[in-house]
Amino acid sequence: MKLPPTPRVLFLRELVGEVTRSYGHGRTMVAVDGTTDTAPFADDLAEVFREAGYDTFRSSMTDFHRPRAERTRLGPESDLDYYRSSFDYVTFRRVLIDPYRMAGSTGFQTAAFDERRDVPIESRWETTGQDAVLVVDGEFLLRPELRGIWHYSVALVNTPQDPVYENDAEPRMWASALVDDSDPDVPRRVFADSC
């Protein structure tokens, strides 16, 4: 289905073009990193990948949180605690990233934990063909131990980064594209020295 050519859709088509020129075949993984609500941008980006004919899946790091009791067993979370141990990266890699990369009939799971209800999500395994796109949004996706998994990454820069994350990971330096989405109707590309 052809999407209406709004400034947002045209902008997202340019990003999709950048990704598909380099990664038009195989299973591609795209990160949308940021401290605010990254889901709308990632959802729209996924729609534009679908428009371009790619089998596209969505996932969010909010669905890979650790249980609250684990995160707060030593007291309230500090910014450092939140950065270090809020998300379950082992499960993220085990049920989503590693099986998705296998590009066969191996199933993968796009969510593992319901943070609002603070309970695990019942496993729902998905699979796809050799060529597909996975768009993941959320916080801390460009941290050192995750950087190497993404084929392409977008850092939304319209709000300040978490200072702990910024100091440890320098996400703006590692992102494939820096995007100011403060006006969702007209997102714009920015450069590291201007944000």
Protein backbone atom coordinates (compact mmCIF):
# COMPACT_ATOMS: atom_id res chain seq x y z
CA MET A 1 0.00 0.00 0.00
CA LYS A 2 1.36 3.39 -0.99
CA LEU A 3 1.62 5.83 1.91
CA PRO A 4 0.64 9.50 1.38
CA PRO A 5 3.73 11.59 0.51
CA THR A 6 3.80 13.71 3.66
CA PRO A 7 7.10 15.33 4.70
CA ARG A 8 7.46 12.62 7.40
CA VAL A 9 6.92 9.77 4.95
CA LEU A 10 9.32 11.32 2.43
CA PHE A 11 11.96 11.69 5.16
CA LEU A 12 11.48 8.07 6.28
CA ARG A 13 11.70 6.87 2.67
CA GLU A 14 15.13 8.49 2.45
CA LEU A 15 16.26 6.60 5.56
CA VAL A 16 14.84 3.33 4.23
CA GLY A 17 16.68 4.00 0.96
CA GLU A 18 19.96 4.42 2.84
CA VAL A 19 19.43 1.12 4.65
CA THR A 20 18.31 -0.88 1.64
CA ARG A 21 21.13 0.35 -0.60
CA SER A 22 23.59 -1.32 1.75
CA TYR A 23 21.40 -4.07 3.23
CA GLY A 24 18.79 -4.90 0.61
CA HIS A 25 19.04 -8.66 1.14
CA GLY A 26 19.23 -10.90 4.19
CA ARG A 27 17.93 -10.14 7.63
CA THR A 28 18.53 -6.51 8.54
CA MET A 29 18.34 -5.02 12.04
CA VAL A 30 17.64 -1.32 12.60
CA ALA A 31 17.76 0.45 15.99
CA VAL A 32 15.83 3.61 16.92
CA ASP A 33 17.54 4.90 20.07
CA GLY A 34 16.37 7.69 22.35
CA THR A 35 15.26 8.64 25.84
CA THR A 36 11.70 9.68 25.03
CA ASP A 37 8.95 7.76 23.27
CA THR A 38 10.79 6.22 20.34
CA ALA A 39 7.93 3.90 19.35
CA PRO A 40 6.03 6.29 17.01
CA PHE A 41 9.14 6.94 14.90
CA ALA A 42 10.03 3.22 14.82
CA ASP A 43 6.43 2.27 13.95
CA ASP A 44 6.38 4.72 11.05
CA LEU A 45 9.81 3.59 9.86
CA ALA A 46 8.58 -0.02 9.88
CA GLU A 47 5.53 1.02 7.81
CA VAL A 48 7.80 2.58 5.19
CA PHE A 49 9.89 -0.62 5.05
CA ARG A 50 6.63 -2.54 4.48
CA GLU A 51 5.63 -0.07 1.78
CA ALA A 52 8.96 -0.84 0.08
CA GLY A 53 8.05 -4.53 0.07
CA TYR A 54 10.05 -5.81 3.05
CA ASP A 55 8.71 -8.34 5.54
CA THR A 56 9.10 -6.13 8.63
CA PHE A 57 8.93 -6.87 12.35
CA ARG A 58 8.78 -4.50 15.34
CA SER A 59 10.18 -4.88 18.80
CA SER A 60 10.85 -2.56 21.71
CA MET A 61 13.32 -2.71 24.58
CA THR A 62 10.43 -1.84 26.92
CA ASP A 63 9.34 -5.45 26.34
CA PHE A 64 12.68 -6.75 27.65
CA HIS A 65 12.75 -5.11 31.10
CA ARG A 66 13.84 -7.01 34.17
CA PRO A 67 11.21 -7.52 36.90
CA ARG A 68 10.86 -4.57 39.32
CA ALA A 69 11.77 -6.73 42.31
CA GLU A 70 15.13 -7.59 40.70
CA ARG A 71 15.83 -3.98 39.78
CA THR A 72 15.01 -2.56 43.21
CA ARG A 73 16.15 -5.30 45.59
CA LEU A 74 18.87 -2.98 46.95
CA GLY A 75 16.61 0.07 47.12
CA PRO A 76 15.30 2.59 44.59
CA GLU A 77 17.02 2.62 41.21
CA SER A 78 19.59 5.32 40.61
CA ASP A 79 20.33 6.53 37.07
CA LEU A 80 23.42 4.31 37.08
CA ASP A 81 21.40 1.27 38.25
CA TYR A 82 18.77 1.91 35.59
CA TYR A 83 21.43 2.08 32.88
CA ARG A 84 23.30 -0.97 34.11
CA SER A 85 20.52 -3.39 34.94
CA SER A 86 17.04 -2.27 33.89
CA PHE A 87 16.89 -4.37 30.72
CA ASP A 88 17.38 -8.10 30.23
CA TYR A 89 19.93 -8.14 27.41
CA VAL A 90 20.61 -11.87 27.79
CA THR A 91 16.97 -12.70 27.03
CA PHE A 92 16.86 -10.03 24.31
CA ARG A 93 19.73 -11.70 22.49
CA ARG A 94 18.61 -15.28 23.21
CA VAL A 95 14.98 -15.03 22.06
CA LEU A 96 15.15 -12.24 19.46
CA ILE A 97 18.54 -11.22 18.08
CA ASP A 98 20.34 -14.57 17.80
CA PRO A 99 17.46 -16.57 16.29
CA TYR A 100 16.50 -13.69 13.97
CA ARG A 101 20.07 -13.61 12.63
CA MET A 102 19.96 -17.31 11.74
CA ALA A 103 17.83 -16.54 8.66
CA GLY A 104 16.28 -20.00 8.57
CA SER A 105 13.08 -21.33 10.01
CA THR A 106 14.20 -20.69 13.59
CA GLY A 107 11.53 -18.83 15.55
CA PHE A 108 12.18 -15.54 17.33
CA GLN A 109 10.23 -13.66 19.97
CA THR A 110 9.72 -9.87 19.71
CA ALA A 111 8.69 -9.40 23.37
CA ALA A 112 9.45 -11.18 26.65
CA PHE A 113 8.22 -9.00 29.53
CA ASP A 114 5.25 -6.73 30.24
CA GLU A 115 6.80 -3.92 32.29
CA ARG A 116 3.48 -2.27 33.16
CA ARG A 117 2.08 -5.47 34.68
CA ASP A 118 5.56 -6.60 35.82
CA VAL A 119 5.11 -10.14 34.45
CA PRO A 120 6.68 -12.25 31.69
CA ILE A 121 4.82 -12.34 28.38
CA GLU A 122 3.65 -15.70 27.12
CA SER A 123 6.01 -16.78 24.35
CA ARG A 124 4.77 -16.07 20.84
CA TRP A 125 7.32 -17.27 18.31
CA GLU A 126 7.49 -15.80 14.82
CA THR A 127 9.51 -16.64 11.76
CA THR A 128 10.14 -15.18 8.33
CA GLY A 129 12.05 -15.82 5.13
CA GLN A 130 15.66 -15.03 4.32
CA ASP A 131 14.98 -11.34 3.60
CA ALA A 132 13.37 -9.28 6.37
CA VAL A 133 13.77 -6.16 8.50
CA LEU A 134 13.61 -5.93 12.28
CA VAL A 135 13.08 -2.44 13.73
CA VAL A 136 13.81 -2.16 17.46
CA ASP A 137 13.21 1.00 19.47
CA GLY A 138 14.14 2.02 22.99
CA GLU A 139 16.73 3.32 25.37
CA PHE A 140 20.42 2.41 25.41
CA LEU A 141 20.46 0.56 22.07
CA LEU A 142 23.87 1.98 21.19
CA ARG A 143 25.56 0.89 24.40
CA PRO A 144 28.91 -0.81 23.74
CA GLU A 145 27.66 -4.39 24.06
CA LEU A 146 24.82 -3.84 21.55
CA ARG A 147 26.45 -1.61 18.95
CA GLY A 148 27.71 -4.42 16.76
CA ILE A 149 24.32 -6.05 16.20
CA TRP A 150 22.72 -3.19 14.25
CA HIS A 151 23.07 -2.79 10.50
CA TYR A 152 21.73 0.76 10.81
CA SER A 153 20.85 2.95 13.78
CA VAL A 154 18.91 6.17 14.29
CA ALA A 155 19.45 8.31 17.39
CA LEU A 156 16.54 10.62 18.15
CA VAL A 157 18.19 13.74 19.54
CA ASN A 158 15.26 16.03 20.38
CA THR A 159 15.68 15.48 24.14
CA PRO A 160 18.80 15.27 26.27
CA GLN A 161 20.40 11.84 26.59
CA ASP A 162 20.68 10.10 29.93
CA PRO A 163 24.03 11.45 31.29
CA VAL A 164 25.24 8.02 32.42
CA TYR A 165 24.50 6.56 28.98
CA GLU A 166 26.02 9.56 27.20
CA ASN A 167 29.26 9.27 29.17
CA ASP A 168 29.57 5.51 28.77
CA ALA A 169 28.36 5.00 25.21
CA GLU A 170 28.48 8.32 23.30
CA PRO A 171 25.45 7.17 21.27
CA ARG A 172 25.40 10.18 18.95
CA MET A 173 28.89 9.33 17.79
CA TRP A 174 27.89 5.74 16.90
CA ALA A 175 24.49 6.31 15.26
CA SER A 176 24.16 5.96 11.50
CA ALA A 177 21.74 8.92 11.50
CA LEU A 178 20.89 11.65 14.01
CA VAL A 179 17.28 12.78 13.75
CA ASP A 180 15.40 15.64 15.42
CA ASP A 181 11.81 14.43 15.70
CA SER A 182 10.58 17.26 17.95
CA ASP A 183 8.14 18.20 15.16
CA PRO A 184 6.86 14.73 14.22
CA ASP A 185 5.29 16.06 11.00
CA VAL A 186 8.66 17.31 9.75
CA PRO A 187 11.58 15.32 11.18
CA ARG A 188 15.00 16.51 10.12
CA ARG A 189 18.50 15.15 9.93
CA VAL A 190 21.05 16.84 12.21
CA PHE A 191 24.80 16.58 12.52
CA ALA A 192 26.79 15.73 15.62
CA ASP A 193 28.26 19.20 16.01
CA SER A 194 24.82 20.88 15.88
CA CYS A 195 23.05 18.91 18.65
